[in-house]
């Protein structure tokens, strides 16, 4: 199981719309609106990191209002 976190910046005033748009996308297991350098953080779970990368490129970045994403891959230390 691969886990990824996506930090998302959105157009001003579109935080709620983007949150609603991403929370039900494939592989998204959690989404939270943030205050600070990023506007949202999204947790994704999939069989592998390639699937997570594909979900970011094909789904999250296509949501209207998304300006920038930064994807962090979870480390499996077992």
PDB file of N, CA and C in Angstrom:
ATOM      1  N   UNK A   1       0.842  -1.181   0.000  1.00  0.00           N
ATOM      2  CA  UNK A   1       0.000   0.000   0.000  1.00  0.00           C
ATOM      3  C   UNK A   1       0.883   1.240   0.000  1.00  0.00           C
ATOM      4  N   UNK A   2       0.624   2.143  -0.913  1.00  0.00           N
ATOM      5  CA  UNK A   2       1.353   3.407  -1.000  1.00  0.00           C
ATOM      6  C   UNK A   2       0.466   4.531  -0.487  1.00  0.00           C
ATOM      7  N   UNK A   3       1.089   5.488   0.198  1.00  0.00           N
ATOM      8  CA  UNK A   3       0.368   6.651   0.714  1.00  0.00           C
ATOM      9  C   UNK A   3       1.065   7.905   0.211  1.00  0.00           C
ATOM     10  N   UNK A   4       0.280   8.853  -0.218  1.00  0.00           N
ATOM     11  CA  UNK A   4       0.811  10.133  -0.656  1.00  0.00           C
ATOM     12  C   UNK A   4      -0.008  11.271  -0.077  1.00  0.00           C
ATOM     13  N   UNK A   5       0.636  12.392   0.115  1.00  0.00           N
ATOM     14  CA  UNK A   5      -0.036  13.608   0.577  1.00  0.00           C
ATOM     15  C   UNK A   5       0.176  14.673  -0.480  1.00  0.00           C
ATOM     16  N   UNK A   6      -0.870  15.389  -0.802  1.00  0.00           N
ATOM     17  CA  UNK A   6      -0.779  16.447  -1.807  1.00  0.00           C
ATOM     18  C   UNK A   6      -1.125  17.772  -1.151  1.00  0.00           C
ATOM     19  N   UNK A   7      -0.177  18.700  -1.196  1.00  0.00           N
ATOM     20  CA  UNK A   7      -0.398  20.063  -0.735  1.00  0.00           C
ATOM     21  C   UNK A   7      -0.896  20.861  -1.933  1.00  0.00           C
ATOM     22  N   UNK A   8      -1.999  21.552  -1.766  1.00  0.00           N
ATOM     23  CA  UNK A   8      -2.651  22.220  -2.892  1.00  0.00           C
ATOM     24  C   UNK A   8      -2.797  23.713  -2.611  1.00  0.00           C
ATOM     25  N   UNK A   9      -2.459  24.509  -3.601  1.00  0.00           N
ATOM     26  CA  UNK A   9      -2.740  25.948  -3.589  1.00  0.00           C
ATOM     27  C   UNK A   9      -3.871  26.185  -4.580  1.00  0.00           C
ATOM     28  N   UNK A  10      -4.806  27.050  -4.182  1.00  0.00           N
ATOM     29  CA  UNK A  10      -5.961  27.316  -5.034  1.00  0.00           C
ATOM     30  C   UNK A  10      -6.099  28.811  -5.289  1.00  0.00           C
ATOM     31  N   UNK A  11      -6.930  29.138  -6.266  1.00  0.00           N
ATOM     32  CA  UNK A  11      -7.230  30.535  -6.543  1.00  0.00           C
ATOM     33  C   UNK A  11      -7.945  31.115  -5.324  1.00  0.00           C
ATOM     34  N   UNK A  12      -7.645  32.356  -4.956  1.00  0.00           N
ATOM     35  CA  UNK A  12      -8.292  32.973  -3.788  1.00  0.00           C
ATOM     36  C   UNK A  12      -9.813  32.882  -3.863  1.00  0.00           C
ATOM     37  N   UNK A  13     -10.402  32.483  -2.748  1.00  0.00           N
ATOM     38  CA  UNK A  13     -11.849  32.385  -2.662  1.00  0.00           C
ATOM     39  C   UNK A  13     -12.441  31.076  -3.146  1.00  0.00           C
ATOM     40  N   UNK A  14     -11.599  30.175  -3.644  1.00  0.00           N
ATOM     41  CA  UNK A  14     -12.104  28.908  -4.192  1.00  0.00           C
ATOM     42  C   UNK A  14     -11.787  27.704  -3.304  1.00  0.00           C
ATOM     43  N   UNK A  15     -11.397  27.957  -2.075  1.00  0.00           N
ATOM     44  CA  UNK A  15     -11.015  26.874  -1.168  1.00  0.00           C
ATOM     45  C   UNK A  15     -12.136  25.851  -0.979  1.00  0.00           C
ATOM     46  N   UNK A  16     -13.330  26.318  -0.696  1.00  0.00           N
ATOM     47  CA  UNK A  16     -14.459  25.413  -0.465  1.00  0.00           C
ATOM     48  C   UNK A  16     -14.804  24.629  -1.718  1.00  0.00           C
ATOM     49  N   UNK A  17     -14.795  25.285  -2.867  1.00  0.00           N
ATOM     50  CA  UNK A  17     -15.128  24.624  -4.126  1.00  0.00           C
ATOM     51  C   UNK A  17     -14.110  23.536  -4.454  1.00  0.00           C
ATOM     52  N   UNK A  18     -12.830  23.826  -4.277  1.00  0.00           N
ATOM     53  CA  UNK A  18     -11.796  22.831  -4.552  1.00  0.00           C
ATOM     54  C   UNK A  18     -11.883  21.684  -3.549  1.00  0.00           C
ATOM     55  N   UNK A  19     -12.100  22.008  -2.285  1.00  0.00           N
ATOM     56  CA  UNK A  19     -12.273  20.965  -1.263  1.00  0.00           C
ATOM     57  C   UNK A  19     -13.393  20.007  -1.659  1.00  0.00           C
ATOM     58  N   UNK A  20     -14.529  20.544  -2.038  1.00  0.00           N
ATOM     59  CA  UNK A  20     -15.663  19.711  -2.459  1.00  0.00           C
ATOM     60  C   UNK A  20     -15.311  18.896  -3.704  1.00  0.00           C
ATOM     61  N   UNK A  21     -14.508  19.485  -4.588  1.00  0.00           N
ATOM     62  CA  UNK A  21     -14.147  18.795  -5.823  1.00  0.00           C
ATOM     63  C   UNK A  21     -13.153  17.660  -5.644  1.00  0.00           C
ATOM     64  N   UNK A  22     -12.274  17.757  -4.653  1.00  0.00           N
ATOM     65  CA  UNK A  22     -11.236  16.729  -4.509  1.00  0.00           C
ATOM     66  C   UNK A  22     -11.593  15.618  -3.529  1.00  0.00           C
ATOM     67  N   UNK A  23     -12.479  15.890  -2.574  1.00  0.00           N
ATOM     68  CA  UNK A  23     -12.676  14.917  -1.497  1.00  0.00           C
ATOM     69  C   UNK A  23     -13.290  13.601  -1.961  1.00  0.00           C
ATOM     70  N   UNK A  24     -13.934  13.581  -3.106  1.00  0.00           N
ATOM     71  CA  UNK A  24     -14.543  12.336  -3.585  1.00  0.00           C
ATOM     72  C   UNK A  24     -13.821  11.740  -4.796  1.00  0.00           C
ATOM     73  N   UNK A  25     -12.643  12.262  -5.108  1.00  0.00           N
ATOM     74  CA  UNK A  25     -11.883  11.730  -6.242  1.00  0.00           C
ATOM     75  C   UNK A  25     -11.318  10.348  -5.928  1.00  0.00           C
ATOM     76  N   UNK A  26     -10.995   9.565  -6.965  1.00  0.00           N
ATOM     77  CA  UNK A  26     -10.419   8.242  -6.734  1.00  0.00           C
ATOM     78  C   UNK A  26      -9.141   8.311  -5.907  1.00  0.00           C
ATOM     79  N   UNK A  27      -9.015   7.401  -4.951  1.00  0.00           N
ATOM     80  CA  UNK A  27      -7.854   7.218  -4.081  1.00  0.00           C
ATOM     81  C   UNK A  27      -7.742   8.256  -2.966  1.00  0.00           C
ATOM     82  N   UNK A  28      -8.599   9.273  -2.940  1.00  0.00           N
ATOM     83  CA  UNK A  28      -8.563  10.272  -1.871  1.00  0.00           C
ATOM     84  C   UNK A  28      -9.247   9.697  -0.641  1.00  0.00           C
ATOM     85  N   UNK A  29      -8.518   9.645   0.482  1.00  0.00           N
ATOM     86  CA  UNK A  29      -9.084   9.120   1.722  1.00  0.00           C
ATOM     87  C   UNK A  29      -9.325  10.213   2.764  1.00  0.00           C
ATOM     88  N   UNK A  30      -8.750  11.390   2.561  1.00  0.00           N
ATOM     89  CA  UNK A  30      -8.954  12.494   3.490  1.00  0.00           C
ATOM     90  C   UNK A  30      -8.583  13.798   2.802  1.00  0.00           C
ATOM     91  N   UNK A  31      -9.283  14.855   3.163  1.00  0.00           N
ATOM     92  CA  UNK A  31      -8.977  16.196   2.643  1.00  0.00           C
ATOM     93  C   UNK A  31      -9.254  17.203   3.749  1.00  0.00           C
ATOM     94  N   UNK A  32      -8.343  18.164   3.913  1.00  0.00           N
ATOM     95  CA  UNK A  32      -8.463  19.164   4.972  1.00  0.00           C
ATOM     96  C   UNK A  32      -8.074  20.532   4.433  1.00  0.00           C
ATOM     97  N   UNK A  33      -8.891  21.537   4.730  1.00  0.00           N
ATOM     98  CA  UNK A  33      -8.555  22.921   4.384  1.00  0.00           C
ATOM     99  C   UNK A  33      -7.546  23.415   5.410  1.00  0.00           C
ATOM    100  N   UNK A  34      -6.528  24.127   4.939  1.00  0.00           N
ATOM    101  CA  UNK A  34      -5.442  24.606   5.792  1.00  0.00           C
ATOM    102  C   UNK A  34      -5.368  26.130   5.812  1.00  0.00           C
ATOM    103  N   UNK A  35      -4.676  26.646   6.815  1.00  0.00           N
ATOM    104  CA  UNK A  35      -4.261  28.044   6.847  1.00  0.00           C
ATOM    105  C   UNK A  35      -2.743  28.028   6.795  1.00  0.00           C
ATOM    106  N   UNK A  36      -2.142  28.893   6.005  1.00  0.00           N
ATOM    107  CA  UNK A  36      -0.698  28.935   5.910  1.00  0.00           C
ATOM    108  C   UNK A  36      -0.242  28.960   4.468  1.00  0.00           C
ATOM    109  N   UNK A  37       0.889  28.306   4.197  1.00  0.00           N
ATOM    110  CA  UNK A  37       1.484  28.336   2.861  1.00  0.00           C
ATOM    111  C   UNK A  37       0.667  27.578   1.814  1.00  0.00           C
ATOM    112  N   UNK A  38      -0.137  26.616   2.250  1.00  0.00           N
ATOM    113  CA  UNK A  38      -0.959  25.814   1.342  1.00  0.00           C
ATOM    114  C   UNK A  38      -2.407  25.910   1.787  1.00  0.00           C
ATOM    115  N   UNK A  39      -3.314  25.694   0.848  1.00  0.00           N
ATOM    116  CA  UNK A  39      -4.738  25.845   1.126  1.00  0.00           C
ATOM    117  C   UNK A  39      -5.431  24.540   1.501  1.00  0.00           C
ATOM    118  N   UNK A  40      -4.960  23.428   0.974  1.00  0.00           N
ATOM    119  CA  UNK A  40      -5.538  22.123   1.286  1.00  0.00           C
ATOM    120  C   UNK A  40      -4.434  21.089   1.381  1.00  0.00           C
ATOM    121  N   UNK A  41      -4.710  20.020   2.137  1.00  0.00           N
ATOM    122  CA  UNK A  41      -3.877  18.830   2.114  1.00  0.00           C
ATOM    123  C   UNK A  41      -4.813  17.654   1.862  1.00  0.00           C
ATOM    124  N   UNK A  42      -4.389  16.785   0.967  1.00  0.00           N
ATOM    125  CA  UNK A  42      -5.189  15.625   0.579  1.00  0.00           C
ATOM    126  C   UNK A  42      -4.347  14.377   0.783  1.00  0.00           C
ATOM    127  N   UNK A  43      -4.940  13.359   1.378  1.00  0.00           N
ATOM    128  CA  UNK A  43      -4.264  12.066   1.555  1.00  0.00           C
ATOM    129  C   UNK A  43      -4.802  11.104   0.512  1.00  0.00           C
ATOM    130  N   UNK A  44      -3.881  10.416  -0.165  1.00  0.00           N
ATOM    131  CA  UNK A  44      -4.249   9.413  -1.149  1.00  0.00           C
ATOM    132  C   UNK A  44      -3.663   8.065  -0.755  1.00  0.00           C
ATOM    133  N   UNK A  45      -4.400   7.003  -1.033  1.00  0.00           N
ATOM    134  CA  UNK A  45      -3.924   5.643  -0.811  1.00  0.00           C
ATOM    135  C   UNK A  45      -4.161   4.846  -2.085  1.00  0.00           C
ATOM    136  N   UNK A  46      -3.148   4.053  -2.470  1.00  0.00           N
ATOM    137  CA  UNK A  46      -3.247   3.242  -3.677  1.00  0.00           C
ATOM    138  C   UNK A  46      -2.288   2.066  -3.553  1.00  0.00           C
ATOM    139  N   UNK A  47      -2.303   1.194  -4.551  1.00  0.00           N
ATOM    140  CA  UNK A  47      -1.416   0.037  -4.537  1.00  0.00           C
ATOM    141  C   UNK A  47       0.048   0.419  -4.714  1.00  0.00           C
ATOM    142  N   UNK A  48       0.302   1.506  -5.439  1.00  0.00           N
ATOM    143  CA  UNK A  48       1.686   1.912  -5.693  1.00  0.00           C
ATOM    144  C   UNK A  48       1.761   3.418  -5.924  1.00  0.00           C
ATOM    145  N   UNK A  49       2.984   3.942  -5.887  1.00  0.00           N
ATOM    146  CA  UNK A  49       3.180   5.386  -6.062  1.00  0.00           C
ATOM    147  C   UNK A  49       2.840   5.853  -7.471  1.00  0.00           C
ATOM    148  N   UNK A  50       2.979   4.983  -8.448  1.00  0.00           N
ATOM    149  CA  UNK A  50       2.628   5.367  -9.818  1.00  0.00           C
ATOM    150  C   UNK A  50       1.141   5.688  -9.923  1.00  0.00           C
ATOM    151  N   UNK A  51       0.319   4.942  -9.226  1.00  0.00           N
ATOM    152  CA  UNK A  51      -1.120   5.198  -9.235  1.00  0.00           C
ATOM    153  C   UNK A  51      -1.438   6.518  -8.547  1.00  0.00           C
ATOM    154  N   UNK A  52      -0.720   6.814  -7.478  1.00  0.00           N
ATOM    155  CA  UNK A  52      -0.910   8.097  -6.794  1.00  0.00           C
ATOM    156  C   UNK A  52      -0.513   9.245  -7.713  1.00  0.00           C
ATOM    157  N   UNK A  53       0.625   9.118  -8.372  1.00  0.00           N
ATOM    158  CA  UNK A  53       1.071  10.161  -9.305  1.00  0.00           C
ATOM    159  C   UNK A  53       0.046  10.375 -10.409  1.00  0.00           C
ATOM    160  N   UNK A  54      -0.490   9.292 -10.921  1.00  0.00           N
ATOM    161  CA  UNK A  54      -1.493   9.385 -11.981  1.00  0.00           C
ATOM    162  C   UNK A  54      -2.759  10.082 -11.471  1.00  0.00           C
ATOM    163  N   UNK A  55      -3.166   9.787 -10.240  1.00  0.00           N
ATOM    164  CA  UNK A  55      -4.351  10.429  -9.663  1.00  0.00           C
ATOM    165  C   UNK A  55      -4.142  11.930  -9.517  1.00  0.00           C
ATOM    166  N   UNK A  56      -2.938  12.338  -9.138  1.00  0.00           N
ATOM    167  CA  UNK A  56      -2.643  13.767  -8.997  1.00  0.00           C
ATOM    168  C   UNK A  56      -2.729  14.458 -10.352  1.00  0.00           C
ATOM    169  N   UNK A  57      -2.065  13.883 -11.339  1.00  0.00           N
ATOM    170  CA  UNK A  57      -2.006  14.514 -12.662  1.00  0.00           C
ATOM    171  C   UNK A  57      -3.358  14.484 -13.371  1.00  0.00           C
ATOM    172  N   UNK A  58      -4.044  13.357 -13.316  1.00  0.00           N
ATOM    173  CA  UNK A  58      -5.272  13.199 -14.098  1.00  0.00           C
ATOM    174  C   UNK A  58      -6.536  13.669 -13.394  1.00  0.00           C
ATOM    175  N   UNK A  59      -6.497  13.778 -12.070  1.00  0.00           N
ATOM    176  CA  UNK A  59      -7.722  14.145 -11.351  1.00  0.00           C
ATOM    177  C   UNK A  59      -7.581  15.431 -10.541  1.00  0.00           C
ATOM    178  N   UNK A  60      -6.622  15.475  -9.620  1.00  0.00           N
ATOM    179  CA  UNK A  60      -6.526  16.626  -8.719  1.00  0.00           C
ATOM    180  C   UNK A  60      -6.162  17.901  -9.474  1.00  0.00           C
ATOM    181  N   UNK A  61      -5.173  17.837 -10.346  1.00  0.00           N
ATOM    182  CA  UNK A  61      -4.756  19.039 -11.067  1.00  0.00           C
ATOM    183  C   UNK A  61      -5.803  19.549 -12.041  1.00  0.00           C
ATOM    184  N   UNK A  62      -6.792  18.712 -12.359  1.00  0.00           N
ATOM    185  CA  UNK A  62      -7.843  19.106 -13.293  1.00  0.00           C
ATOM    186  C   UNK A  62      -9.014  19.812 -12.610  1.00  0.00           C
ATOM    187  N   UNK A  63      -9.038  19.811 -11.279  1.00  0.00           N
ATOM    188  CA  UNK A  63     -10.128  20.462 -10.555  1.00  0.00           C
ATOM    189  C   UNK A  63     -10.033  21.972 -10.761  1.00  0.00           C
ATOM    190  N   UNK A  64     -11.143  22.568 -11.138  1.00  0.00           N
ATOM    191  CA  UNK A  64     -11.180  24.008 -11.372  1.00  0.00           C
ATOM    192  C   UNK A  64     -10.799  24.743 -10.099  1.00  0.00           C
ATOM    193  N   UNK A  65      -9.834  25.651 -10.198  1.00  0.00           N
ATOM    194  CA  UNK A  65      -9.375  26.436  -9.067  1.00  0.00           C
ATOM    195  C   UNK A  65      -8.030  26.001  -8.512  1.00  0.00           C
ATOM    196  N   UNK A  66      -7.581  24.793  -8.863  1.00  0.00           N
ATOM    197  CA  UNK A  66      -6.267  24.333  -8.405  1.00  0.00           C
ATOM    198  C   UNK A  66      -5.194  25.080  -9.182  1.00  0.00           C
ATOM    199  N   UNK A  67      -4.276  25.709  -8.459  1.00  0.00           N
ATOM    200  CA  UNK A  67      -3.206  26.487  -9.076  1.00  0.00           C
ATOM    201  C   UNK A  67      -1.892  25.712  -9.073  1.00  0.00           C
ATOM    202  N   UNK A  68      -1.611  25.025  -7.958  1.00  0.00           N
ATOM    203  CA  UNK A  68      -0.322  24.356  -7.799  1.00  0.00           C
ATOM    204  C   UNK A  68      -0.490  23.171  -6.856  1.00  0.00           C
ATOM    205  N   UNK A  69       0.288  22.108  -7.103  1.00  0.00           N
ATOM    206  CA  UNK A  69       0.297  20.970  -6.199  1.00  0.00           C
ATOM    207  C   UNK A  69       1.725  20.585  -5.864  1.00  0.00           C
ATOM    208  N   UNK A  70       1.883  20.003  -4.677  1.00  0.00           N
ATOM    209  CA  UNK A  70       3.163  19.452  -4.261  1.00  0.00           C
ATOM    210  C   UNK A  70       2.849  18.093  -3.634  1.00  0.00           C
ATOM    211  N   UNK A  71       3.408  17.036  -4.220  1.00  0.00           N
ATOM    212  CA  UNK A  71       3.095  15.685  -3.760  1.00  0.00           C
ATOM    213  C   UNK A  71       4.234  15.142  -2.899  1.00  0.00           C
ATOM    214  N   UNK A  72       3.865  14.588  -1.749  1.00  0.00           N
ATOM    215  CA  UNK A  72       4.807  13.994  -0.820  1.00  0.00           C
ATOM    216  C   UNK A  72       4.504  12.500  -0.729  1.00  0.00           C
ATOM    217  N   UNK A  73       5.498  11.680  -0.941  1.00  0.00           N
ATOM    218  CA  UNK A  73       5.317  10.224  -0.883  1.00  0.00           C
ATOM    219  C   UNK A  73       5.618   9.726   0.528  1.00  0.00           C
ATOM    220  N   UNK A  74       4.718   8.920   1.047  1.00  0.00           N
ATOM    221  CA  UNK A  74       4.942   8.310   2.356  1.00  0.00           C
ATOM    222  C   UNK A  74       6.029   7.264   2.281  1.00  0.00           C
ATOM    223  N   UNK A  75       6.853   7.174   3.318  1.00  0.00           N
ATOM    224  CA  UNK A  75       7.955   6.209   3.373  1.00  0.00           C
ATOM    225  C   UNK A  75       7.527   4.970   4.152  1.00  0.00           C
ATOM    226  N   UNK A  76       7.822   3.809   3.614  1.00  0.00           N
ATOM    227  CA  UNK A  76       7.548   2.547   4.290  1.00  0.00           C
ATOM    228  C   UNK A  76       8.849   2.086   4.938  1.00  0.00           C
ATOM    229  N   UNK A  77       8.953   2.188   6.259  1.00  0.00           N
ATOM    230  CA  UNK A  77      10.192   1.872   6.961  1.00  0.00           C
ATOM    231  C   UNK A  77      10.215   0.449   7.509  1.00  0.00           C
ATOM    232  N   UNK A  78       9.199  -0.349   7.206  1.00  0.00           N
ATOM    233  CA  UNK A  78       9.180  -1.742   7.700  1.00  0.00           C
ATOM    234  C   UNK A  78      10.052  -2.653   6.872  1.00  0.00           C
TER     235      UNK A  78
END
